[in-house]
Amino acid sequence: MKIGLEYFSLDCVMDDKIRLVEAKYGIKGFALVVKLYQKIYGGCGYYCEFNDDIILLFASDNRVNRNLVSDLTKECISRGIFDSELYSKYRILTSKGIQKRYLRGCERRKKVKMENAYLLLSEPELPDNVYISDKNGYINGKNAYISKQSKVEESRVKESKVVEEDKLTAEYGKECVEYYKARVTDYYGYLNQSKIIQFITQDKKNQKGFFEKPRGKNKFHNFDQRDYDFDDIERICVNNMNRR
């Protein structure tokens, strides 16, 4: 399946970013920027790898000095012609504008594959024929963003639960929280944060469970324990009997 484009559009009046590069490097600089666009659109379509080895080959193919290509690339990145973050992270050249123009050129294709890590466009900017890389392959761009949002929401819920448990631990102590986590799990078969709070609130109000106060001693146990000499008791009893 074809990936790159056979041709791409070039504005008659270039924006200031390109004009400034041309002003600094002359017509040779402008030509090299166009050559980079050719490499991107004609290769992977919306990006190209541009590490040290590729820079050397690109300079050789275009019969220019390697340092010129390296300096020109840095200038283009600093002026926002190419995305600085993706270049720093993956050593690739791309931009939102490049990706938009690439997708316009692919609008008649049934399926366009794009790497999620390299994507700079948001969900509304993606046509229906775009499929984004996933750990299990490629999935439709709309579904990919729904899945991404679901994962973000799931992560937020987990963080919220951790924060809530920390608050409970700070208020009631770890032993108390662990006690009610075990109770909820035994009762429902799974752990539920709201049920833990409900159990704690009810038991605290009714002074049950972990909050149950120790029962007071009955009247019998309130007597002080005394030590008796049973030999003396027996002797007293015998003397009392003899007096009768």
C-alpha atoms as a PDB file:
ATOM      1  CA  MET A   1       0.000   0.000   0.000  1.00  0.00           C
ATOM      2  CA  LYS A   2       1.348   3.425  -0.993  1.00  0.00           C
ATOM      3  CA  ILE A   3       2.267   5.657   1.941  1.00  0.00           C
ATOM      4  CA  GLY A   4       3.853   8.833   0.573  1.00  0.00           C
ATOM      5  CA  LEU A   5       2.497  11.378  -1.910  1.00  0.00           C
ATOM      6  CA  GLU A   6       3.391  11.716  -5.583  1.00  0.00           C
ATOM      7  CA  TYR A   7       3.247  15.498  -5.346  1.00  0.00           C
ATOM      8  CA  PHE A   8       2.535  18.209  -2.786  1.00  0.00           C
ATOM      9  CA  SER A   9       1.419  21.837  -2.925  1.00  0.00           C
ATOM     10  CA  LEU A  10       3.823  24.718  -2.441  1.00  0.00           C
ATOM     11  CA  ASP A  11       2.512  28.193  -1.655  1.00  0.00           C
ATOM     12  CA  CYS A  12       3.371  30.967  -4.107  1.00  0.00           C
ATOM     13  CA  VAL A  13       3.895  33.354  -1.197  1.00  0.00           C
ATOM     14  CA  MET A  14       5.821  31.656   1.610  1.00  0.00           C
ATOM     15  CA  ASP A  15       5.232  32.542   5.253  1.00  0.00           C
ATOM     16  CA  ASP A  16       7.750  34.543   7.270  1.00  0.00           C
ATOM     17  CA  LYS A  17       9.336  31.429   8.772  1.00  0.00           C
ATOM     18  CA  ILE A  18      10.534  30.217   5.377  1.00  0.00           C
ATOM     19  CA  ARG A  19      11.440  33.731   4.245  1.00  0.00           C
ATOM     20  CA  LEU A  20      13.639  34.224   7.303  1.00  0.00           C
ATOM     21  CA  VAL A  21      15.454  30.948   6.606  1.00  0.00           C
ATOM     22  CA  GLU A  22      16.000  32.066   3.018  1.00  0.00           C
ATOM     23  CA  ALA A  23      17.212  35.460   4.216  1.00  0.00           C
ATOM     24  CA  LYS A  24      19.829  33.786   6.394  1.00  0.00           C
ATOM     25  CA  TYR A  25      20.953  30.952   4.076  1.00  0.00           C
ATOM     26  CA  GLY A  26      20.103  32.348   0.658  1.00  0.00           C
ATOM     27  CA  ILE A  27      18.423  30.519  -2.195  1.00  0.00           C
ATOM     28  CA  LYS A  28      20.377  27.398  -1.259  1.00  0.00           C
ATOM     29  CA  GLY A  29      18.633  27.378   2.140  1.00  0.00           C
ATOM     30  CA  PHE A  30      15.219  27.705   0.492  1.00  0.00           C
ATOM     31  CA  ALA A  31      16.041  24.880  -1.906  1.00  0.00           C
ATOM     32  CA  LEU A  32      17.105  22.604   0.948  1.00  0.00           C
ATOM     33  CA  VAL A  33      13.843  23.251   2.829  1.00  0.00           C
ATOM     34  CA  VAL A  34      11.918  22.231  -0.318  1.00  0.00           C
ATOM     35  CA  LYS A  35      14.145  19.148  -0.592  1.00  0.00           C
ATOM     36  CA  LEU A  36      13.262  18.263   3.021  1.00  0.00           C
ATOM     37  CA  TYR A  37       9.568  18.604   2.169  1.00  0.00           C
ATOM     38  CA  GLN A  38      10.099  16.264  -0.776  1.00  0.00           C
ATOM     39  CA  LYS A  39      11.792  13.743   1.473  1.00  0.00           C
ATOM     40  CA  ILE A  40       8.919  13.903   3.971  1.00  0.00           C
ATOM     41  CA  TYR A  41       5.926  13.857   1.600  1.00  0.00           C
ATOM     42  CA  GLY A  42       7.504  11.378  -0.799  1.00  0.00           C
ATOM     43  CA  GLY A  43       8.651   8.989   1.937  1.00  0.00           C
ATOM     44  CA  CYS A  44       6.547   8.311   5.003  1.00  0.00           C
ATOM     45  CA  GLY A  45       4.174  11.093   3.969  1.00  0.00           C
ATOM     46  CA  TYR A  46       3.887  13.112   7.161  1.00  0.00           C
ATOM     47  CA  TYR A  47       7.358  12.758   8.747  1.00  0.00           C
ATOM     48  CA  CYS A  48      10.879  11.593   8.036  1.00  0.00           C
ATOM     49  CA  GLU A  49      13.625  10.289  10.268  1.00  0.00           C
ATOM     50  CA  PHE A  50      16.583  12.649  10.386  1.00  0.00           C
ATOM     51  CA  ASN A  51      19.402  11.297  12.526  1.00  0.00           C
ATOM     52  CA  ASP A  52      23.118  11.934  11.974  1.00  0.00           C
ATOM     53  CA  ASP A  53      23.527   9.217   9.334  1.00  0.00           C
ATOM     54  CA  ILE A  54      20.511  10.416   7.356  1.00  0.00           C
ATOM     55  CA  ILE A  55      21.786  14.009   7.542  1.00  0.00           C
ATOM     56  CA  LEU A  56      25.106  12.849   6.082  1.00  0.00           C
ATOM     57  CA  LEU A  57      23.378  11.011   3.208  1.00  0.00           C
ATOM     58  CA  PHE A  58      20.996  13.927   2.572  1.00  0.00           C
ATOM     59  CA  ALA A  59      23.960  16.322   2.328  1.00  0.00           C
ATOM     60  CA  SER A  60      25.771  13.947  -0.015  1.00  0.00           C
ATOM     61  CA  ASP A  61      22.724  13.458  -2.268  1.00  0.00           C
ATOM     62  CA  ASN A  62      22.249  17.214  -2.583  1.00  0.00           C
ATOM     63  CA  ARG A  63      25.984  17.990  -2.847  1.00  0.00           C
ATOM     64  CA  VAL A  64      26.100  20.367   0.080  1.00  0.00           C
ATOM     65  CA  ASN A  65      28.121  20.517   3.260  1.00  0.00           C
ATOM     66  CA  ARG A  66      26.884  18.340   6.120  1.00  0.00           C
ATOM     67  CA  ASN A  67      27.256  21.197   8.601  1.00  0.00           C
ATOM     68  CA  LEU A  68      25.029  23.381   6.423  1.00  0.00           C
ATOM     69  CA  VAL A  69      22.259  20.772   6.539  1.00  0.00           C
ATOM     70  CA  SER A  70      22.642  20.367  10.300  1.00  0.00           C
ATOM     71  CA  ASP A  71      22.600  24.139  10.916  1.00  0.00           C
ATOM     72  CA  LEU A  72      19.664  24.654   8.545  1.00  0.00           C
ATOM     73  CA  THR A  73      17.682  21.929  10.325  1.00  0.00           C
ATOM     74  CA  LYS A  74      18.265  23.555  13.703  1.00  0.00           C
ATOM     75  CA  GLU A  75      17.194  26.911  12.271  1.00  0.00           C
ATOM     76  CA  CYS A  76      13.975  25.406  10.874  1.00  0.00           C
ATOM     77  CA  ILE A  77      13.208  23.762  14.217  1.00  0.00           C
ATOM     78  CA  SER A  78      13.883  26.935  16.190  1.00  0.00           C
ATOM     79  CA  ARG A  79      11.480  28.854  13.904  1.00  0.00           C
ATOM     80  CA  GLY A  80       8.724  26.234  14.225  1.00  0.00           C
ATOM     81  CA  ILE A  81       8.904  24.908  10.665  1.00  0.00           C
ATOM     82  CA  PHE A  82       9.429  21.477  12.231  1.00  0.00           C
ATOM     83  CA  ASP A  83       8.261  20.340  15.672  1.00  0.00           C
ATOM     84  CA  SER A  84      11.079  20.638  18.221  1.00  0.00           C
ATOM     85  CA  GLU A  85       9.675  18.159  20.762  1.00  0.00           C
ATOM     86  CA  LEU A  86       9.297  15.277  18.300  1.00  0.00           C
ATOM     87  CA  TYR A  87      12.718  15.976  16.828  1.00  0.00           C
ATOM     88  CA  SER A  88      14.306  15.955  20.271  1.00  0.00           C
ATOM     89  CA  LYS A  89      12.485  12.780  21.289  1.00  0.00           C
ATOM     90  CA  TYR A  90      12.444  10.712  18.082  1.00  0.00           C
ATOM     91  CA  ARG A  91      14.790  12.559  15.685  1.00  0.00           C
ATOM     92  CA  ILE A  92      12.026  13.042  13.125  1.00  0.00           C
ATOM     93  CA  LEU A  93      10.956  16.070  11.085  1.00  0.00           C
ATOM     94  CA  THR A  94       7.237  16.863  11.041  1.00  0.00           C
ATOM     95  CA  SER A  95       4.720  19.569  11.921  1.00  0.00           C
ATOM     96  CA  LYS A  96       0.975  20.095  12.227  1.00  0.00           C
ATOM     97  CA  GLY A  97       0.952  21.815   8.826  1.00  0.00           C
ATOM     98  CA  ILE A  98       2.791  18.919   7.173  1.00  0.00           C
ATOM     99  CA  GLN A  99       0.367  16.404   8.698  1.00  0.00           C
ATOM    100  CA  LYS A 100      -2.692  18.418   7.596  1.00  0.00           C
ATOM    101  CA  ARG A 101      -1.409  18.721   4.015  1.00  0.00           C
ATOM    102  CA  TYR A 102      -0.549  15.028   3.942  1.00  0.00           C
ATOM    103  CA  LEU A 103      -4.068  14.030   4.996  1.00  0.00           C
ATOM    104  CA  ARG A 104      -5.592  16.349   2.395  1.00  0.00           C
ATOM    105  CA  GLY A 105      -3.506  14.516  -0.180  1.00  0.00           C
ATOM    106  CA  CYS A 106      -4.807  11.161   1.144  1.00  0.00           C
ATOM    107  CA  GLU A 107      -8.507  12.037   1.297  1.00  0.00           C
ATOM    108  CA  ARG A 108      -9.421   9.508  -1.420  1.00  0.00           C
ATOM    109  CA  ARG A 109      -7.567   6.649   0.236  1.00  0.00           C
ATOM    110  CA  LYS A 110      -9.634   4.111   2.136  1.00  0.00           C
ATOM    111  CA  LYS A 111      -7.136   3.748   4.960  1.00  0.00           C
ATOM    112  CA  VAL A 112      -4.287   5.979   6.140  1.00  0.00           C
ATOM    113  CA  LYS A 113      -2.032   4.665   8.897  1.00  0.00           C
ATOM    114  CA  MET A 114      -0.355   7.079  11.314  1.00  0.00           C
ATOM    115  CA  GLU A 115       1.887   6.517  14.316  1.00  0.00           C
ATOM    116  CA  ASN A 116       0.252   7.682  17.526  1.00  0.00           C
ATOM    117  CA  ALA A 117       3.570   8.871  18.986  1.00  0.00           C
ATOM    118  CA  TYR A 118       4.181  11.188  16.006  1.00  0.00           C
ATOM    119  CA  LEU A 119       0.670  12.613  15.767  1.00  0.00           C
ATOM    120  CA  LEU A 120       0.266  16.361  16.336  1.00  0.00           C
ATOM    121  CA  LEU A 121      -3.356  16.696  15.217  1.00  0.00           C
ATOM    122  CA  SER A 122      -6.357  16.565  17.514  1.00  0.00           C
ATOM    123  CA  GLU A 123      -9.345  14.248  17.051  1.00  0.00           C
ATOM    124  CA  PRO A 124     -11.579  16.770  15.214  1.00  0.00           C
ATOM    125  CA  GLU A 125      -8.771  17.329  12.683  1.00  0.00           C
ATOM    126  CA  LEU A 126      -8.593  13.653  11.679  1.00  0.00           C
ATOM    127  CA  PRO A 127     -10.598  12.359   8.697  1.00  0.00           C
ATOM    128  CA  ASP A 128     -12.559   9.120   9.074  1.00  0.00           C
ATOM    129  CA  ASN A 129     -10.032   7.161   7.001  1.00  0.00           C
ATOM    130  CA  VAL A 130      -7.186   7.669   9.500  1.00  0.00           C
ATOM    131  CA  TYR A 131      -6.089   4.686  11.579  1.00  0.00           C
ATOM    132  CA  ILE A 132      -3.742   5.266  14.504  1.00  0.00           C
ATOM    133  CA  SER A 133      -1.188   2.794  15.833  1.00  0.00           C
ATOM    134  CA  ASP A 134      -2.183   0.873  18.942  1.00  0.00           C
ATOM    135  CA  LYS A 135      -0.514  -1.911  20.918  1.00  0.00           C
ATOM    136  CA  ASN A 136      -2.797  -4.384  19.106  1.00  0.00           C
ATOM    137  CA  GLY A 137      -2.332  -2.871  15.634  1.00  0.00           C
ATOM    138  CA  TYR A 138      -4.109   0.106  14.064  1.00  0.00           C
ATOM    139  CA  ILE A 139      -7.524   1.396  15.104  1.00  0.00           C
ATOM    140  CA  ASN A 140      -9.715   4.113  13.644  1.00  0.00           C
ATOM    141  CA  GLY A 141      -8.630   7.586  14.752  1.00  0.00           C
ATOM    142  CA  LYS A 142     -11.989   8.453  16.320  1.00  0.00           C
ATOM    143  CA  ASN A 143     -11.973   5.245  18.383  1.00  0.00           C
ATOM    144  CA  ALA A 144      -8.346   5.806  19.332  1.00  0.00           C
ATOM    145  CA  TYR A 145      -9.167   9.131  20.928  1.00  0.00           C
ATOM    146  CA  ILE A 146     -12.184   7.667  22.714  1.00  0.00           C
ATOM    147  CA  SER A 147      -9.948   4.900  24.071  1.00  0.00           C
ATOM    148  CA  LYS A 148      -7.308   7.472  25.069  1.00  0.00           C
ATOM    149  CA  GLN A 149      -9.889   9.580  26.881  1.00  0.00           C
ATOM    150  CA  SER A 150     -11.216   6.480  28.668  1.00  0.00           C
ATOM    151  CA  LYS A 151      -7.706   5.620  29.867  1.00  0.00           C
ATOM    152  CA  VAL A 152      -7.189   9.191  31.080  1.00  0.00           C
ATOM    153  CA  GLU A 153     -10.504   9.094  32.937  1.00  0.00           C
ATOM    154  CA  GLU A 154      -9.643   5.706  34.443  1.00  0.00           C
ATOM    155  CA  SER A 155      -6.321   7.094  35.612  1.00  0.00           C
ATOM    156  CA  ARG A 156      -8.061  10.070  37.213  1.00  0.00           C
ATOM    157  CA  VAL A 157     -10.479   7.758  39.050  1.00  0.00           C
ATOM    158  CA  LYS A 158      -7.571   5.695  40.401  1.00  0.00           C
ATOM    159  CA  GLU A 159      -5.764   8.827  41.566  1.00  0.00           C
ATOM    160  CA  SER A 160      -8.961  10.057  43.221  1.00  0.00           C
ATOM    161  CA  LYS A 161      -9.345   6.750  45.087  1.00  0.00           C
ATOM    162  CA  VAL A 162      -5.763   6.921  46.352  1.00  0.00           C
ATOM    163  CA  VAL A 163      -6.291  10.500  47.576  1.00  0.00           C
ATOM    164  CA  GLU A 164      -9.563   9.520  49.290  1.00  0.00           C
ATOM    165  CA  GLU A 165      -7.943   6.541  51.013  1.00  0.00           C
ATOM    166  CA  ASP A 166      -5.079   8.761  52.189  1.00  0.00           C
ATOM    167  CA  LYS A 167      -7.634  11.140  53.716  1.00  0.00           C
ATOM    168  CA  LEU A 168      -9.399   8.277  55.506  1.00  0.00           C
ATOM    169  CA  THR A 169      -6.083   6.946  56.791  1.00  0.00           C
ATOM    170  CA  ALA A 170      -5.105  10.384  58.073  1.00  0.00           C
ATOM    171  CA  GLU A 171      -8.447  10.750  59.871  1.00  0.00           C
ATOM    172  CA  TYR A 172      -9.070   7.249  61.237  1.00  0.00           C
ATOM    173  CA  GLY A 173      -5.696   5.481  61.035  1.00  0.00           C
ATOM    174  CA  LYS A 174      -4.395   2.705  58.812  1.00  0.00           C
ATOM    175  CA  GLU A 175      -5.681  -0.091  61.061  1.00  0.00           C
ATOM    176  CA  CYS A 176      -9.239   1.250  60.827  1.00  0.00           C
ATOM    177  CA  VAL A 177      -9.148   1.631  57.030  1.00  0.00           C
ATOM    178  CA  GLU A 178      -7.699  -1.853  56.530  1.00  0.00           C
ATOM    179  CA  TYR A 179     -10.421  -3.254  58.834  1.00  0.00           C
ATOM    180  CA  TYR A 180     -13.196  -1.767  56.686  1.00  0.00           C
ATOM    181  CA  LYS A 181     -11.499  -2.660  53.392  1.00  0.00           C
ATOM    182  CA  ALA A 182     -11.575  -6.285  54.537  1.00  0.00           C
ATOM    183  CA  ARG A 183     -15.222  -5.994  55.663  1.00  0.00           C
ATOM    184  CA  VAL A 184     -16.365  -4.473  52.362  1.00  0.00           C
ATOM    185  CA  THR A 185     -14.472  -7.077  50.338  1.00  0.00           C
ATOM    186  CA  ASP A 186     -15.964  -9.922  52.388  1.00  0.00           C
ATOM    187  CA  TYR A 187     -19.478  -8.487  52.137  1.00  0.00           C
ATOM    188  CA  TYR A 188     -19.599  -7.478  48.445  1.00  0.00           C
ATOM    189  CA  GLY A 189     -16.870  -9.649  46.959  1.00  0.00           C
ATOM    190  CA  TYR A 190     -14.998  -6.604  45.683  1.00  0.00           C
ATOM    191  CA  LEU A 191     -13.468  -3.382  46.999  1.00  0.00           C
ATOM    192  CA  ASN A 192     -15.564  -0.220  46.742  1.00  0.00           C
ATOM    193  CA  GLN A 193     -14.400   3.154  48.031  1.00  0.00           C
ATOM    194  CA  SER A 194     -17.875   4.569  48.659  1.00  0.00           C
ATOM    195  CA  LYS A 195     -18.906   1.454  50.586  1.00  0.00           C
ATOM    196  CA  ILE A 196     -15.847   1.784  52.826  1.00  0.00           C
ATOM    197  CA  ILE A 197     -16.855   5.362  53.649  1.00  0.00           C
ATOM    198  CA  GLN A 198     -20.456   4.234  54.221  1.00  0.00           C
ATOM    199  CA  PHE A 199     -19.412   1.453  56.608  1.00  0.00           C
ATOM    200  CA  ILE A 200     -17.099   3.775  58.534  1.00  0.00           C
ATOM    201  CA  THR A 201     -19.741   6.495  58.825  1.00  0.00           C
ATOM    202  CA  GLN A 202     -22.469   4.118  60.012  1.00  0.00           C
ATOM    203  CA  ASP A 203     -20.302   2.244  62.498  1.00  0.00           C
ATOM    204  CA  LYS A 204     -18.874   5.461  63.912  1.00  0.00           C
ATOM    205  CA  LYS A 205     -22.396   6.853  64.393  1.00  0.00           C
ATOM    206  CA  ASN A 206     -23.702   3.660  66.014  1.00  0.00           C
ATOM    207  CA  GLN A 207     -20.424   2.875  67.804  1.00  0.00           C
ATOM    208  CA  LYS A 208     -20.157  -0.545  66.205  1.00  0.00           C
ATOM    209  CA  GLY A 209     -17.443  -2.516  64.492  1.00  0.00           C
ATOM    210  CA  PHE A 210     -14.082  -0.835  64.836  1.00  0.00           C
ATOM    211  CA  PHE A 211     -15.667   1.980  66.862  1.00  0.00           C
ATOM    212  CA  GLU A 212     -17.401  -0.295  69.406  1.00  0.00           C
ATOM    213  CA  LYS A 213     -16.405   0.688  72.936  1.00  0.00           C
ATOM    214  CA  PRO A 214     -15.234  -1.999  75.395  1.00  0.00           C
ATOM    215  CA  ARG A 215     -18.050  -3.106  77.717  1.00  0.00           C
ATOM    216  CA  GLY A 216     -17.816  -1.980  81.366  1.00  0.00           C
ATOM    217  CA  LYS A 217     -17.200  -4.484  84.209  1.00  0.00           C
ATOM    218  CA  ASN A 218     -20.239  -5.978  85.950  1.00  0.00           C
ATOM    219  CA  LYS A 219     -20.768  -5.517  89.646  1.00  0.00           C
ATOM    220  CA  PHE A 220     -19.033  -8.758  90.510  1.00  0.00           C
ATOM    221  CA  HIS A 221     -15.882  -7.766  88.679  1.00  0.00           C
ATOM    222  CA  ASN A 222     -15.926  -4.298  90.250  1.00  0.00           C
ATOM    223  CA  PHE A 223     -14.866  -5.763  93.610  1.00  0.00           C
ATOM    224  CA  ASP A 224     -11.192  -5.460  94.373  1.00  0.00           C
ATOM    225  CA  GLN A 225      -9.405  -8.758  94.213  1.00  0.00           C
ATOM    226  CA  ARG A 226      -8.166  -9.807  97.673  1.00  0.00           C
ATOM    227  CA  ASP A 227      -5.632 -12.375  98.795  1.00  0.00           C
ATOM    228  CA  TYR A 228      -6.904 -14.798 101.448  1.00  0.00           C
ATOM    229  CA  ASP A 229      -5.036 -17.158 103.826  1.00  0.00           C
ATOM    230  CA  PHE A 230      -7.290 -20.200 103.840  1.00  0.00           C
ATOM    231  CA  ASP A 231      -5.493 -21.712 106.888  1.00  0.00           C
ATOM    232  CA  ASP A 232      -6.471 -18.625 108.915  1.00  0.00           C
ATOM    233  CA  ILE A 233     -10.064 -18.875 107.685  1.00  0.00           C
ATOM    234  CA  GLU A 234     -10.261 -22.520 108.720  1.00  0.00           C
ATOM    235  CA  ARG A 235      -8.810 -21.757 112.175  1.00  0.00           C
ATOM    236  CA  ILE A 236     -11.316 -18.940 112.715  1.00  0.00           C
ATOM    237  CA  CYS A 237     -14.204 -21.176 111.738  1.00  0.00           C
ATOM    238  CA  VAL A 238     -13.055 -23.950 114.155  1.00  0.00           C
ATOM    239  CA  ASN A 239     -12.684 -21.505 117.060  1.00  0.00           C
ATOM    240  CA  ASN A 240     -16.136 -20.130 116.428  1.00  0.00           C
ATOM    241  CA  MET A 241     -17.576 -23.633 116.489  1.00  0.00           C
ATOM    242  CA  ASN A 242     -15.835 -24.485 119.791  1.00  0.00           C
ATOM    243  CA  ARG A 243     -17.292 -21.447 121.480  1.00  0.00           C
ATOM    244  CA  ARG A 244     -20.848 -22.596 120.873  1.00  0.00           C
END
